[in-house]
Amino acid sequence: MIKLNVFIFFTIIALLYSCTIDKNKSSLVNQSSFTFTVENLSDEMYPDNPDIGFRSKNYQNNYFS
């Protein structure tokens, strides 16, 4: 019974601690941004692509332009 009470106590403390908002940390996250470009690589550019063997027969068709 004592072990259960200790477990519940530490669980509640951990939940309360994790739910507190640190305004300094949250403002740093909101101020930083990451920008990157996404490039679709062809089979020649990425020959080790693990998805090559699992493609449908219409993989090369461009349905959205």
Foldseek 3Di string as FASTA:
>chain_A
DVVVVVVVVVVVVVVVVVPDDDVVVVVVVVPDDDDDDDDDDDCVRPVPDPCPVVDDPCVPDDPDD
